[in-house]
Amino acid sequence: MPRVRRAGLPSALFRHLLERIQDRKVPAEDLERLAAWLDKEPEVPEGRWYKRFPGVTLCGEGEWVKTFLEPGQLPAGKQVH
């Protein structure tokens, strides 16, 4: 199983994630929780996956984080913990 990559994100993907953080007003507490989760170098499925935080859902595919969803938006893929 792949591990989520923290470094080497393509610049377009990095900009997209920053825009989603701003647009969806991701709470600072959730960003702290995300950083702590990433520090554990989590394993994720090969395909689509998601991780729920109290104020946002993180979505990814394989080793890449792809976007943030607001509460009420439905994620696709397998939930990771």
N, C-alpha and C. Protein backbone atom coordinates (compact mmCIF):
# COMPACT_ATOMS: atom_id res chain seq x y z
N MET A 1 0.84 -1.19 0.00
CA MET A 1 0.00 0.00 0.00
C MET A 1 0.89 1.24 0.00
N PRO A 2 0.48 2.26 -0.76
CA PRO A 2 1.28 3.49 -0.79
C PRO A 2 1.15 4.29 0.51
N ARG A 3 2.06 5.18 0.71
CA ARG A 3 2.01 6.12 1.83
C ARG A 3 1.77 7.51 1.25
N VAL A 4 1.05 8.34 2.00
CA VAL A 4 0.74 9.69 1.53
C VAL A 4 2.04 10.48 1.39
N ARG A 5 2.20 11.13 0.25
CA ARG A 5 3.39 11.95 0.00
C ARG A 5 3.18 13.35 0.53
N ARG A 6 4.17 13.85 1.25
CA ARG A 6 4.13 15.22 1.76
C ARG A 6 4.97 16.14 0.90
N ALA A 7 5.97 15.60 0.25
CA ALA A 7 6.90 16.41 -0.54
C ALA A 7 6.76 16.06 -2.01
N GLY A 8 7.18 16.98 -2.83
CA GLY A 8 7.19 16.72 -4.26
C GLY A 8 5.84 16.81 -4.94
N LEU A 9 4.89 17.50 -4.31
CA LEU A 9 3.59 17.67 -4.98
C LEU A 9 3.76 18.49 -6.24
N PRO A 10 3.09 18.12 -7.31
CA PRO A 10 3.11 18.98 -8.50
C PRO A 10 2.58 20.37 -8.13
N SER A 11 3.14 21.39 -8.70
CA SER A 11 2.77 22.76 -8.32
C SER A 11 1.29 23.05 -8.54
N ALA A 12 0.69 22.52 -9.60
CA ALA A 12 -0.74 22.74 -9.84
C ALA A 12 -1.58 22.10 -8.74
N LEU A 13 -1.20 20.93 -8.30
CA LEU A 13 -1.93 20.26 -7.22
C LEU A 13 -1.76 21.03 -5.92
N PHE A 14 -0.57 21.49 -5.63
CA PHE A 14 -0.31 22.28 -4.42
C PHE A 14 -1.17 23.54 -4.40
N ARG A 15 -1.24 24.24 -5.53
CA ARG A 15 -2.07 25.45 -5.62
C ARG A 15 -3.55 25.10 -5.41
N HIS A 16 -3.99 24.00 -6.02
CA HIS A 16 -5.38 23.55 -5.86
C HIS A 16 -5.69 23.31 -4.38
N LEU A 17 -4.81 22.62 -3.67
CA LEU A 17 -5.05 22.34 -2.25
C LEU A 17 -5.10 23.62 -1.43
N LEU A 18 -4.21 24.56 -1.71
CA LEU A 18 -4.23 25.84 -1.00
C LEU A 18 -5.54 26.59 -1.26
N GLU A 19 -6.01 26.57 -2.50
CA GLU A 19 -7.28 27.22 -2.83
C GLU A 19 -8.43 26.57 -2.09
N ARG A 20 -8.45 25.25 -2.02
CA ARG A 20 -9.54 24.55 -1.33
C ARG A 20 -9.51 24.85 0.16
N ILE A 21 -8.33 24.94 0.74
CA ILE A 21 -8.21 25.28 2.17
C ILE A 21 -8.83 26.64 2.42
N GLN A 22 -8.55 27.60 1.54
CA GLN A 22 -9.10 28.94 1.69
C GLN A 22 -10.60 28.98 1.37
N ASP A 23 -10.99 28.43 0.23
CA ASP A 23 -12.40 28.47 -0.21
C ASP A 23 -13.31 27.79 0.80
N ARG A 24 -12.87 26.69 1.35
CA ARG A 24 -13.72 25.88 2.22
C ARG A 24 -13.49 26.18 3.69
N LYS A 25 -12.66 27.19 3.92
CA LYS A 25 -12.40 27.67 5.28
C LYS A 25 -12.09 26.52 6.23
N VAL A 26 -11.09 25.74 5.84
CA VAL A 26 -10.68 24.59 6.65
C VAL A 26 -10.17 25.12 7.99
N PRO A 27 -10.76 24.65 9.09
CA PRO A 27 -10.35 25.14 10.41
C PRO A 27 -8.88 24.83 10.71
N ALA A 28 -8.22 25.74 11.39
CA ALA A 28 -6.82 25.55 11.76
C ALA A 28 -6.63 24.26 12.56
N GLU A 29 -7.59 23.93 13.40
CA GLU A 29 -7.49 22.71 14.20
C GLU A 29 -7.44 21.47 13.31
N ASP A 30 -8.20 21.49 12.21
CA ASP A 30 -8.18 20.36 11.29
C ASP A 30 -6.85 20.29 10.53
N LEU A 31 -6.27 21.44 10.23
CA LEU A 31 -4.95 21.43 9.59
C LEU A 31 -3.89 20.87 10.54
N GLU A 32 -4.03 21.17 11.84
CA GLU A 32 -3.12 20.59 12.83
C GLU A 32 -3.31 19.08 12.92
N ARG A 33 -4.56 18.64 12.91
CA ARG A 33 -4.85 17.19 12.94
C ARG A 33 -4.29 16.52 11.68
N LEU A 34 -4.46 17.18 10.55
CA LEU A 34 -3.93 16.65 9.29
C LEU A 34 -2.41 16.51 9.36
N ALA A 35 -1.73 17.54 9.86
CA ALA A 35 -0.27 17.48 9.97
C ALA A 35 0.16 16.34 10.88
N ALA A 36 -0.53 16.16 11.99
CA ALA A 36 -0.20 15.07 12.92
C ALA A 36 -0.42 13.72 12.26
N TRP A 37 -1.49 13.59 11.49
CA TRP A 37 -1.78 12.34 10.78
C TRP A 37 -0.69 12.07 9.73
N LEU A 38 -0.32 13.11 8.98
CA LEU A 38 0.73 12.95 7.97
C LEU A 38 2.08 12.61 8.59
N ASP A 39 2.34 13.10 9.80
CA ASP A 39 3.60 12.78 10.49
C ASP A 39 3.74 11.27 10.71
N LYS A 40 2.62 10.57 10.77
CA LYS A 40 2.63 9.11 10.99
C LYS A 40 2.91 8.34 9.70
N GLU A 41 3.08 9.06 8.59
CA GLU A 41 3.30 8.45 7.28
C GLU A 41 2.27 7.35 6.99
N PRO A 42 0.99 7.75 6.96
CA PRO A 42 -0.08 6.76 6.84
C PRO A 42 -0.08 6.01 5.50
N GLU A 43 -0.45 4.75 5.59
CA GLU A 43 -0.67 3.95 4.39
C GLU A 43 -2.10 4.19 3.93
N VAL A 44 -2.27 4.23 2.61
CA VAL A 44 -3.59 4.45 2.02
C VAL A 44 -3.77 3.48 0.85
N PRO A 45 -5.02 3.26 0.43
CA PRO A 45 -5.25 2.36 -0.71
C PRO A 45 -4.66 2.91 -2.01
N GLU A 46 -4.51 2.03 -2.98
CA GLU A 46 -4.02 2.42 -4.31
C GLU A 46 -4.96 3.40 -5.00
N GLY A 47 -6.25 3.19 -4.88
CA GLY A 47 -7.23 4.03 -5.57
C GLY A 47 -7.69 5.19 -4.72
N ARG A 48 -8.95 5.56 -4.90
CA ARG A 48 -9.52 6.70 -4.17
C ARG A 48 -9.72 6.35 -2.70
N TRP A 49 -9.47 7.34 -1.85
CA TRP A 49 -9.65 7.20 -0.42
C TRP A 49 -10.04 8.55 0.18
N TYR A 50 -10.50 8.50 1.43
CA TYR A 50 -10.80 9.74 2.14
C TYR A 50 -10.59 9.55 3.63
N LYS A 51 -10.35 10.67 4.32
CA LYS A 51 -10.19 10.69 5.77
C LYS A 51 -11.02 11.84 6.29
N ARG A 52 -11.85 11.53 7.26
CA ARG A 52 -12.71 12.55 7.85
C ARG A 52 -12.02 13.20 9.05
N PHE A 53 -12.13 14.52 9.09
CA PHE A 53 -11.74 15.32 10.23
C PHE A 53 -13.01 16.04 10.68
N PRO A 54 -13.05 16.62 11.88
CA PRO A 54 -14.31 17.22 12.35
C PRO A 54 -14.92 18.26 11.40
N GLY A 55 -14.12 19.10 10.76
CA GLY A 55 -14.68 20.16 9.94
C GLY A 55 -14.46 20.02 8.45
N VAL A 56 -13.82 18.93 8.02
CA VAL A 56 -13.47 18.78 6.61
C VAL A 56 -13.17 17.30 6.32
N THR A 57 -13.33 16.92 5.08
CA THR A 57 -12.93 15.58 4.65
C THR A 57 -11.81 15.72 3.63
N LEU A 58 -10.72 15.02 3.89
CA LEU A 58 -9.57 15.00 3.00
C LEU A 58 -9.76 13.87 2.01
N CYS A 59 -9.58 14.14 0.72
CA CYS A 59 -9.71 13.11 -0.31
C CYS A 59 -8.39 12.94 -1.03
N GLY A 60 -8.11 11.70 -1.40
CA GLY A 60 -6.88 11.43 -2.11
C GLY A 60 -7.03 10.26 -3.06
N GLU A 61 -5.96 10.02 -3.78
CA GLU A 61 -5.90 8.88 -4.69
C GLU A 61 -4.47 8.36 -4.66
N GLY A 62 -4.32 7.11 -4.18
CA GLY A 62 -2.99 6.58 -4.02
C GLY A 62 -2.18 7.44 -3.06
N GLU A 63 -0.97 7.78 -3.45
CA GLU A 63 -0.09 8.54 -2.57
C GLU A 63 -0.38 10.04 -2.51
N TRP A 64 -1.32 10.51 -3.34
CA TRP A 64 -1.56 11.94 -3.46
C TRP A 64 -2.81 12.39 -2.72
N VAL A 65 -2.69 13.48 -1.97
CA VAL A 65 -3.86 14.20 -1.46
C VAL A 65 -4.40 14.98 -2.63
N LYS A 66 -5.72 14.93 -2.85
CA LYS A 66 -6.28 15.57 -4.04
C LYS A 66 -7.14 16.79 -3.74
N THR A 67 -7.95 16.75 -2.64
CA THR A 67 -8.81 17.89 -2.37
C THR A 67 -9.39 17.80 -0.97
N PHE A 68 -10.07 18.86 -0.57
CA PHE A 68 -10.78 18.93 0.70
C PHE A 68 -12.26 19.12 0.40
N LEU A 69 -13.12 18.42 1.12
CA LEU A 69 -14.56 18.56 0.95
C LEU A 69 -15.16 19.21 2.20
N GLU A 70 -16.19 19.99 1.98
CA GLU A 70 -16.92 20.59 3.09
C GLU A 70 -17.86 19.56 3.70
N PRO A 71 -18.29 19.80 4.95
CA PRO A 71 -19.31 18.92 5.52
C PRO A 71 -20.52 18.88 4.59
N GLY A 72 -21.07 17.71 4.42
CA GLY A 72 -22.22 17.54 3.53
C GLY A 72 -21.86 17.07 2.13
N GLN A 73 -20.62 17.31 1.70
CA GLN A 73 -20.18 16.80 0.41
C GLN A 73 -19.78 15.33 0.58
N LEU A 74 -20.16 14.50 -0.37
CA LEU A 74 -19.92 13.08 -0.26
C LEU A 74 -18.59 12.68 -0.90
N PRO A 75 -17.74 12.01 -0.13
CA PRO A 75 -16.46 11.55 -0.67
C PRO A 75 -16.63 10.25 -1.45
N ALA A 76 -15.66 9.96 -2.29
CA ALA A 76 -15.62 8.69 -3.03
C ALA A 76 -14.43 7.89 -2.55
N GLY A 77 -14.54 6.58 -2.61
CA GLY A 77 -13.44 5.71 -2.27
C GLY A 77 -13.58 5.08 -0.91
N LYS A 78 -12.46 4.59 -0.41
CA LYS A 78 -12.42 3.86 0.84
C LYS A 78 -12.01 4.79 1.97
N GLN A 79 -12.72 4.71 3.10
CA GLN A 79 -12.38 5.54 4.25
C GLN A 79 -11.14 4.98 4.93
N VAL A 80 -10.21 5.86 5.28
CA VAL A 80 -9.02 5.48 6.04
C VAL A 80 -9.11 6.12 7.42
N HIS A 81 -8.40 5.51 8.34
CA HIS A 81 -8.47 6.01 9.74
C HIS A 81 -7.13 6.48 10.22
